């Protein structure tokens, strides 16, 4: 229970039920507050672990920086996210796994690895939730923990000056834009996330068609033909 909801419950039952009920509800408020603080602490620890893991990758060397700069990526996008928060791109060795995921090669040293740029993925509140790896050779995006559906998810709740949510076709396009807008990491789950976002802005017809296909997917309705036990 959210602490504010618990507080409202205390106020209402004090008026209707007297001091004894109010006392019980105060216990509920304390319990709810402790639970909220515990959840917040656990989330902070997870965010810190994600950042620390991504920071274990090495800093970009000059040829890797030049690769991005020559393709129109502003230097600031290498160091910070779209809101100016410190979030450096790094280089790491990763092992491709199933379902669009990866593992760091330091944990799978016997597996074939690829060298990728990595960055911290954030949730809609701007908190670190995942590490995303980008292979510039294939333009493939991989997720470490499968939490990142789009890169730049905090754009979903941010004010929009363009009248719509900017969706980028590639990691390079997203980086060129200073990491503003969103970049789809997991297409299978992106549809439900973007369906209620109103207008989506794209610069590529192919991307527009792919987005339309993704948000148009509806769930299958299955008829359960098993006889129900009568009450």
C-alpha atoms as a PDB file:
ATOM      1  CA  UNK A   1       0.000   0.000   0.000  1.00  0.00           C
ATOM      2  CA  UNK A   2       1.293   3.442  -0.870  1.00  0.00           C
ATOM      3  CA  UNK A   3       1.940   5.602   2.257  1.00  0.00           C
ATOM      4  CA  UNK A   4      -0.376   8.348   0.992  1.00  0.00           C
ATOM      5  CA  UNK A   5      -3.224   5.859   0.543  1.00  0.00           C
ATOM      6  CA  UNK A   6      -2.588   4.546   4.035  1.00  0.00           C
ATOM      7  CA  UNK A   7      -2.665   8.086   5.409  1.00  0.00           C
ATOM      8  CA  UNK A   8      -6.018   8.759   3.741  1.00  0.00           C
ATOM      9  CA  UNK A   9      -7.356   5.533   5.196  1.00  0.00           C
ATOM     10  CA  UNK A  10      -6.258   6.627   8.691  1.00  0.00           C
ATOM     11  CA  UNK A  11      -8.021   9.971   8.378  1.00  0.00           C
ATOM     12  CA  UNK A  12     -11.258   8.430   7.107  1.00  0.00           C
ATOM     13  CA  UNK A  13     -11.515   5.735   9.764  1.00  0.00           C
ATOM     14  CA  UNK A  14     -10.677   8.079  12.600  1.00  0.00           C
ATOM     15  CA  UNK A  15     -13.738  10.108  11.732  1.00  0.00           C
ATOM     16  CA  UNK A  16     -15.977   7.069  11.339  1.00  0.00           C
ATOM     17  CA  UNK A  17     -14.594   4.568  13.835  1.00  0.00           C
ATOM     18  CA  UNK A  18     -12.833   6.447  16.602  1.00  0.00           C
ATOM     19  CA  UNK A  19      -9.423   6.287  18.176  1.00  0.00           C
ATOM     20  CA  UNK A  20      -9.047   2.496  18.326  1.00  0.00           C
ATOM     21  CA  UNK A  21      -9.479   2.008  14.581  1.00  0.00           C
ATOM     22  CA  UNK A  22      -7.240   5.014  13.943  1.00  0.00           C
ATOM     23  CA  UNK A  23      -4.560   3.392  16.076  1.00  0.00           C
ATOM     24  CA  UNK A  24      -4.727   0.213  13.997  1.00  0.00           C
ATOM     25  CA  UNK A  25      -4.494   2.254  10.822  1.00  0.00           C
ATOM     26  CA  UNK A  26      -1.438   4.071  12.143  1.00  0.00           C
ATOM     27  CA  UNK A  27       0.219   0.665  12.308  1.00  0.00           C
ATOM     28  CA  UNK A  28      -0.776   0.141   8.665  1.00  0.00           C
ATOM     29  CA  UNK A  29       0.789   3.491   7.792  1.00  0.00           C
ATOM     30  CA  UNK A  30       4.059   2.590   9.503  1.00  0.00           C
ATOM     31  CA  UNK A  31       4.109  -0.807   7.772  1.00  0.00           C
ATOM     32  CA  UNK A  32       3.364   0.728   4.373  1.00  0.00           C
ATOM     33  CA  UNK A  33       6.035   3.383   4.850  1.00  0.00           C
ATOM     34  CA  UNK A  34       8.632   0.802   5.827  1.00  0.00           C
ATOM     35  CA  UNK A  35       7.695  -1.332   2.813  1.00  0.00           C
ATOM     36  CA  UNK A  36       7.998   1.661   0.487  1.00  0.00           C
ATOM     37  CA  UNK A  37      11.402   2.577   1.907  1.00  0.00           C
ATOM     38  CA  UNK A  38      12.592  -1.022   1.613  1.00  0.00           C
ATOM     39  CA  UNK A  39      11.477  -1.179  -2.028  1.00  0.00           C
ATOM     40  CA  UNK A  40      13.196   2.142  -2.726  1.00  0.00           C
ATOM     41  CA  UNK A  41      16.413   0.914  -1.118  1.00  0.00           C
ATOM     42  CA  UNK A  42      16.359  -2.338  -3.098  1.00  0.00           C
ATOM     43  CA  UNK A  43      15.720  -0.419  -6.325  1.00  0.00           C
ATOM     44  CA  UNK A  44      18.621   1.929  -5.542  1.00  0.00           C
ATOM     45  CA  UNK A  45      20.918  -1.019  -4.888  1.00  0.00           C
ATOM     46  CA  UNK A  46      19.891  -2.626  -8.189  1.00  0.00           C
ATOM     47  CA  UNK A  47      20.478   0.643 -10.062  1.00  0.00           C
ATOM     48  CA  UNK A  48      23.898   0.995  -8.478  1.00  0.00           C
ATOM     49  CA  UNK A  49      24.823  -2.595  -9.392  1.00  0.00           C
ATOM     50  CA  UNK A  50      23.781  -1.970 -13.007  1.00  0.00           C
ATOM     51  CA  UNK A  51      25.911   1.169 -13.232  1.00  0.00           C
ATOM     52  CA  UNK A  52      28.873  -0.563 -11.594  1.00  0.00           C
ATOM     53  CA  UNK A  53      28.647  -3.504 -13.995  1.00  0.00           C
ATOM     54  CA  UNK A  54      28.554  -1.256 -17.047  1.00  0.00           C
ATOM     55  CA  UNK A  55      31.490   0.747 -15.660  1.00  0.00           C
ATOM     56  CA  UNK A  56      33.604  -2.403 -15.661  1.00  0.00           C
ATOM     57  CA  UNK A  57      33.869  -1.986 -19.409  1.00  0.00           C
ATOM     58  CA  UNK A  58      36.803   0.052 -20.652  1.00  0.00           C
ATOM     59  CA  UNK A  59      36.756   3.643 -21.830  1.00  0.00           C
ATOM     60  CA  UNK A  60      36.529   4.314 -25.546  1.00  0.00           C
ATOM     61  CA  UNK A  61      39.847   4.585 -27.353  1.00  0.00           C
ATOM     62  CA  UNK A  62      40.481   7.278 -29.926  1.00  0.00           C
ATOM     63  CA  UNK A  63      39.594   5.135 -32.999  1.00  0.00           C
ATOM     64  CA  UNK A  64      36.271   4.196 -31.350  1.00  0.00           C
ATOM     65  CA  UNK A  65      35.557   7.840 -30.587  1.00  0.00           C
ATOM     66  CA  UNK A  66      36.503   8.841 -34.136  1.00  0.00           C
ATOM     67  CA  UNK A  67      34.164   6.167 -35.524  1.00  0.00           C
ATOM     68  CA  UNK A  68      31.234   7.897 -33.820  1.00  0.00           C
ATOM     69  CA  UNK A  69      32.302  11.496 -34.454  1.00  0.00           C
ATOM     70  CA  UNK A  70      32.803  10.866 -38.196  1.00  0.00           C
ATOM     71  CA  UNK A  71      29.235   9.563 -38.351  1.00  0.00           C
ATOM     72  CA  UNK A  72      27.766  12.693 -36.823  1.00  0.00           C
ATOM     73  CA  UNK A  73      27.566  11.746 -33.151  1.00  0.00           C
ATOM     74  CA  UNK A  74      28.165  14.835 -30.972  1.00  0.00           C
ATOM     75  CA  UNK A  75      30.873  14.396 -28.312  1.00  0.00           C
ATOM     76  CA  UNK A  76      28.345  15.090 -25.570  1.00  0.00           C
ATOM     77  CA  UNK A  77      26.320  12.009 -26.540  1.00  0.00           C
ATOM     78  CA  UNK A  78      29.361   9.845 -25.824  1.00  0.00           C
ATOM     79  CA  UNK A  79      29.541  11.153 -22.274  1.00  0.00           C
ATOM     80  CA  UNK A  80      25.977  11.985 -21.235  1.00  0.00           C
ATOM     81  CA  UNK A  81      22.386  10.911 -21.828  1.00  0.00           C
ATOM     82  CA  UNK A  82      19.697  13.032 -23.433  1.00  0.00           C
ATOM     83  CA  UNK A  83      19.064  14.958 -20.219  1.00  0.00           C
ATOM     84  CA  UNK A  84      22.694  15.778 -19.510  1.00  0.00           C
ATOM     85  CA  UNK A  85      23.170  13.095 -16.881  1.00  0.00           C
ATOM     86  CA  UNK A  86      26.622  11.525 -16.779  1.00  0.00           C
ATOM     87  CA  UNK A  87      26.295   8.207 -18.635  1.00  0.00           C
ATOM     88  CA  UNK A  88      29.378   7.269 -20.636  1.00  0.00           C
ATOM     89  CA  UNK A  89      29.470   4.849 -23.519  1.00  0.00           C
ATOM     90  CA  UNK A  90      31.956   2.062 -22.870  1.00  0.00           C
ATOM     91  CA  UNK A  91      33.429  -0.885 -24.717  1.00  0.00           C
ATOM     92  CA  UNK A  92      32.956  -4.437 -23.487  1.00  0.00           C
ATOM     93  CA  UNK A  93      33.220  -8.018 -24.678  1.00  0.00           C
ATOM     94  CA  UNK A  94      29.782  -9.642 -24.667  1.00  0.00           C
ATOM     95  CA  UNK A  95      28.394 -13.067 -25.479  1.00  0.00           C
ATOM     96  CA  UNK A  96      25.191 -13.198 -27.520  1.00  0.00           C
ATOM     97  CA  UNK A  97      22.443 -15.274 -25.895  1.00  0.00           C
ATOM     98  CA  UNK A  98      18.881 -16.158 -26.895  1.00  0.00           C
ATOM     99  CA  UNK A  99      15.901 -13.786 -26.909  1.00  0.00           C
ATOM    100  CA  UNK A 100      17.967 -10.694 -27.657  1.00  0.00           C
ATOM    101  CA  UNK A 101      20.015 -10.936 -24.485  1.00  0.00           C
ATOM    102  CA  UNK A 102      23.734 -11.021 -23.760  1.00  0.00           C
ATOM    103  CA  UNK A 103      26.147 -11.911 -21.000  1.00  0.00           C
ATOM    104  CA  UNK A 104      29.457 -10.229 -20.304  1.00  0.00           C
ATOM    105  CA  UNK A 105      32.303 -12.427 -21.508  1.00  0.00           C
ATOM    106  CA  UNK A 106      33.971 -12.130 -18.096  1.00  0.00           C
ATOM    107  CA  UNK A 107      31.228 -14.438 -16.838  1.00  0.00           C
ATOM    108  CA  UNK A 108      31.327 -16.740 -19.894  1.00  0.00           C
ATOM    109  CA  UNK A 109      35.034 -16.817 -20.790  1.00  0.00           C
ATOM    110  CA  UNK A 110      34.743 -19.989 -22.879  1.00  0.00           C
ATOM    111  CA  UNK A 111      32.060 -18.588 -25.198  1.00  0.00           C
ATOM    112  CA  UNK A 112      32.609 -16.701 -28.440  1.00  0.00           C
ATOM    113  CA  UNK A 113      32.310 -12.980 -27.767  1.00  0.00           C
ATOM    114  CA  UNK A 114      31.908  -9.782 -29.745  1.00  0.00           C
ATOM    115  CA  UNK A 115      33.114  -6.289 -28.975  1.00  0.00           C
ATOM    116  CA  UNK A 116      30.267  -3.848 -28.404  1.00  0.00           C
ATOM    117  CA  UNK A 117      29.510  -0.358 -27.208  1.00  0.00           C
ATOM    118  CA  UNK A 118      27.501  -0.446 -23.985  1.00  0.00           C
ATOM    119  CA  UNK A 119      25.317   2.089 -22.220  1.00  0.00           C
ATOM    120  CA  UNK A 120      23.006   2.111 -19.215  1.00  0.00           C
ATOM    121  CA  UNK A 121      19.316   1.770 -20.034  1.00  0.00           C
ATOM    122  CA  UNK A 122      16.923   3.714 -17.818  1.00  0.00           C
ATOM    123  CA  UNK A 123      13.288   3.238 -16.885  1.00  0.00           C
ATOM    124  CA  UNK A 124      10.610   5.905 -17.321  1.00  0.00           C
ATOM    125  CA  UNK A 125      11.729   7.561 -14.076  1.00  0.00           C
ATOM    126  CA  UNK A 126      15.317   7.909 -15.253  1.00  0.00           C
ATOM    127  CA  UNK A 127      16.619   5.143 -12.981  1.00  0.00           C
ATOM    128  CA  UNK A 128      19.141   2.609 -14.341  1.00  0.00           C
ATOM    129  CA  UNK A 129      17.356  -0.644 -15.150  1.00  0.00           C
ATOM    130  CA  UNK A 130      19.586  -2.501 -17.614  1.00  0.00           C
ATOM    131  CA  UNK A 131      22.764  -2.498 -19.676  1.00  0.00           C
ATOM    132  CA  UNK A 132      22.326  -2.366 -23.453  1.00  0.00           C
ATOM    133  CA  UNK A 133      25.034  -3.557 -25.848  1.00  0.00           C
ATOM    134  CA  UNK A 134      25.260  -2.276 -29.415  1.00  0.00           C
ATOM    135  CA  UNK A 135      27.217  -4.077 -32.124  1.00  0.00           C
ATOM    136  CA  UNK A 136      27.975  -1.405 -34.749  1.00  0.00           C
ATOM    137  CA  UNK A 137      28.845  -4.042 -37.368  1.00  0.00           C
ATOM    138  CA  UNK A 138      25.366  -5.568 -37.379  1.00  0.00           C
ATOM    139  CA  UNK A 139      23.518  -2.662 -35.700  1.00  0.00           C
ATOM    140  CA  UNK A 140      22.134  -5.263 -33.290  1.00  0.00           C
ATOM    141  CA  UNK A 141      20.986  -4.244 -29.814  1.00  0.00           C
ATOM    142  CA  UNK A 142      21.168  -6.704 -26.931  1.00  0.00           C
ATOM    143  CA  UNK A 143      19.870  -6.463 -23.379  1.00  0.00           C
ATOM    144  CA  UNK A 144      21.697  -7.740 -20.309  1.00  0.00           C
ATOM    145  CA  UNK A 145      18.674  -8.348 -18.048  1.00  0.00           C
ATOM    146  CA  UNK A 146      15.736  -8.020 -20.506  1.00  0.00           C
ATOM    147  CA  UNK A 147      14.392  -4.994 -18.622  1.00  0.00           C
ATOM    148  CA  UNK A 148      15.117  -2.442 -21.337  1.00  0.00           C
ATOM    149  CA  UNK A 149      12.370  -2.427 -23.958  1.00  0.00           C
ATOM    150  CA  UNK A 150      13.403   0.914 -25.425  1.00  0.00           C
ATOM    151  CA  UNK A 151      16.432   3.073 -24.779  1.00  0.00           C
ATOM    152  CA  UNK A 152      15.350   6.460 -23.483  1.00  0.00           C
ATOM    153  CA  UNK A 153      12.204   5.176 -21.772  1.00  0.00           C
ATOM    154  CA  UNK A 154      12.043   8.321 -19.617  1.00  0.00           C
ATOM    155  CA  UNK A 155      11.033  10.141 -22.818  1.00  0.00           C
ATOM    156  CA  UNK A 156       7.623   8.476 -22.454  1.00  0.00           C
ATOM    157  CA  UNK A 157       6.728  10.797 -19.573  1.00  0.00           C
ATOM    158  CA  UNK A 158       8.682  13.877 -20.684  1.00  0.00           C
ATOM    159  CA  UNK A 159       7.115  17.008 -22.246  1.00  0.00           C
ATOM    160  CA  UNK A 160       7.196  16.866 -26.060  1.00  0.00           C
ATOM    161  CA  UNK A 161       7.951  19.952 -28.096  1.00  0.00           C
ATOM    162  CA  UNK A 162       7.638  18.158 -31.450  1.00  0.00           C
ATOM    163  CA  UNK A 163       4.056  17.041 -30.879  1.00  0.00           C
ATOM    164  CA  UNK A 164       4.977  13.364 -30.826  1.00  0.00           C
ATOM    165  CA  UNK A 165       7.439  10.821 -29.509  1.00  0.00           C
ATOM    166  CA  UNK A 166      10.551  10.597 -31.655  1.00  0.00           C
ATOM    167  CA  UNK A 167      11.484   6.986 -32.494  1.00  0.00           C
ATOM    168  CA  UNK A 168      14.873   6.355 -34.088  1.00  0.00           C
ATOM    169  CA  UNK A 169      15.645   3.703 -36.677  1.00  0.00           C
ATOM    170  CA  UNK A 170      19.150   2.875 -35.474  1.00  0.00           C
ATOM    171  CA  UNK A 171      21.523   3.326 -32.565  1.00  0.00           C
ATOM    172  CA  UNK A 172      23.570   5.776 -34.634  1.00  0.00           C
ATOM    173  CA  UNK A 173      20.488   7.900 -35.323  1.00  0.00           C
ATOM    174  CA  UNK A 174      19.689   7.921 -31.612  1.00  0.00           C
ATOM    175  CA  UNK A 175      23.248   8.922 -30.717  1.00  0.00           C
ATOM    176  CA  UNK A 176      23.296  11.594 -33.438  1.00  0.00           C
ATOM    177  CA  UNK A 177      20.199  13.085 -31.810  1.00  0.00           C
ATOM    178  CA  UNK A 178      22.058  13.359 -28.510  1.00  0.00           C
ATOM    179  CA  UNK A 179      20.193  10.346 -27.096  1.00  0.00           C
ATOM    180  CA  UNK A 180      16.870  12.193 -27.251  1.00  0.00           C
ATOM    181  CA  UNK A 181      13.818  10.216 -28.320  1.00  0.00           C
ATOM    182  CA  UNK A 182      13.616   6.445 -28.014  1.00  0.00           C
ATOM    183  CA  UNK A 183      15.386   3.525 -29.627  1.00  0.00           C
ATOM    184  CA  UNK A 184      13.620   0.165 -29.698  1.00  0.00           C
ATOM    185  CA  UNK A 185      15.663  -2.590 -28.050  1.00  0.00           C
ATOM    186  CA  UNK A 186      13.026  -5.343 -27.836  1.00  0.00           C
ATOM    187  CA  UNK A 187      10.553  -5.252 -30.720  1.00  0.00           C
ATOM    188  CA  UNK A 188       8.411  -8.076 -29.344  1.00  0.00           C
ATOM    189  CA  UNK A 189       7.502  -6.023 -26.272  1.00  0.00           C
ATOM    190  CA  UNK A 190       7.707  -2.509 -27.701  1.00  0.00           C
ATOM    191  CA  UNK A 191       4.213  -2.502 -29.229  1.00  0.00           C
ATOM    192  CA  UNK A 192       2.190  -2.419 -25.990  1.00  0.00           C
ATOM    193  CA  UNK A 193       4.608   0.135 -24.533  1.00  0.00           C
ATOM    194  CA  UNK A 194       4.291   2.565 -27.466  1.00  0.00           C
ATOM    195  CA  UNK A 195       0.642   1.951 -28.370  1.00  0.00           C
ATOM    196  CA  UNK A 196      -0.730   4.608 -26.002  1.00  0.00           C
ATOM    197  CA  UNK A 197       1.950   7.240 -26.654  1.00  0.00           C
ATOM    198  CA  UNK A 198      -0.053   9.193 -29.208  1.00  0.00           C
ATOM    199  CA  UNK A 199       1.814  10.362 -32.314  1.00  0.00           C
ATOM    200  CA  UNK A 200       5.129   8.684 -33.112  1.00  0.00           C
ATOM    201  CA  UNK A 201       7.634  10.661 -35.193  1.00  0.00           C
ATOM    202  CA  UNK A 202       9.938   8.796 -37.580  1.00  0.00           C
ATOM    203  CA  UNK A 203      12.296   9.758 -40.407  1.00  0.00           C
ATOM    204  CA  UNK A 204      12.039   6.450 -42.223  1.00  0.00           C
ATOM    205  CA  UNK A 205       9.001   4.823 -43.878  1.00  0.00           C
ATOM    206  CA  UNK A 206      10.358   1.347 -43.205  1.00  0.00           C
ATOM    207  CA  UNK A 207      10.564   2.140 -39.491  1.00  0.00           C
ATOM    208  CA  UNK A 208       7.045   3.576 -39.609  1.00  0.00           C
ATOM    209  CA  UNK A 209       5.664   0.359 -41.093  1.00  0.00           C
ATOM    210  CA  UNK A 210       7.508  -1.741 -38.538  1.00  0.00           C
ATOM    211  CA  UNK A 211       6.120   0.369 -35.694  1.00  0.00           C
ATOM    212  CA  UNK A 212       2.613   0.083 -37.130  1.00  0.00           C
ATOM    213  CA  UNK A 213       2.955  -3.699 -37.260  1.00  0.00           C
ATOM    214  CA  UNK A 214       4.254  -3.785 -33.684  1.00  0.00           C
ATOM    215  CA  UNK A 215       1.478  -1.700 -32.153  1.00  0.00           C
ATOM    216  CA  UNK A 216      -1.244  -3.473 -34.168  1.00  0.00           C
ATOM    217  CA  UNK A 217      -0.568  -6.896 -32.690  1.00  0.00           C
ATOM    218  CA  UNK A 218      -3.547  -8.057 -30.648  1.00  0.00           C
ATOM    219  CA  UNK A 219      -3.633 -10.984 -28.226  1.00  0.00           C
ATOM    220  CA  UNK A 220      -5.143 -14.297 -29.260  1.00  0.00           C
ATOM    221  CA  UNK A 221      -8.481 -15.132 -27.658  1.00  0.00           C
ATOM    222  CA  UNK A 222      -8.699 -18.843 -26.833  1.00  0.00           C
ATOM    223  CA  UNK A 223     -11.915 -20.612 -25.908  1.00  0.00           C
ATOM    224  CA  UNK A 224     -11.532 -22.898 -22.931  1.00  0.00           C
ATOM    225  CA  UNK A 225     -13.625 -25.921 -23.892  1.00  0.00           C
ATOM    226  CA  UNK A 226     -13.031 -27.797 -20.676  1.00  0.00           C
ATOM    227  CA  UNK A 227     -16.291 -28.253 -18.746  1.00  0.00           C
ATOM    228  CA  UNK A 228     -16.462 -26.126 -15.635  1.00  0.00           C
ATOM    229  CA  UNK A 229     -17.274 -27.692 -12.328  1.00  0.00           C
ATOM    230  CA  UNK A 230     -20.721 -26.557 -11.272  1.00  0.00           C
ATOM    231  CA  UNK A 231     -20.961 -24.892  -7.922  1.00  0.00           C
END
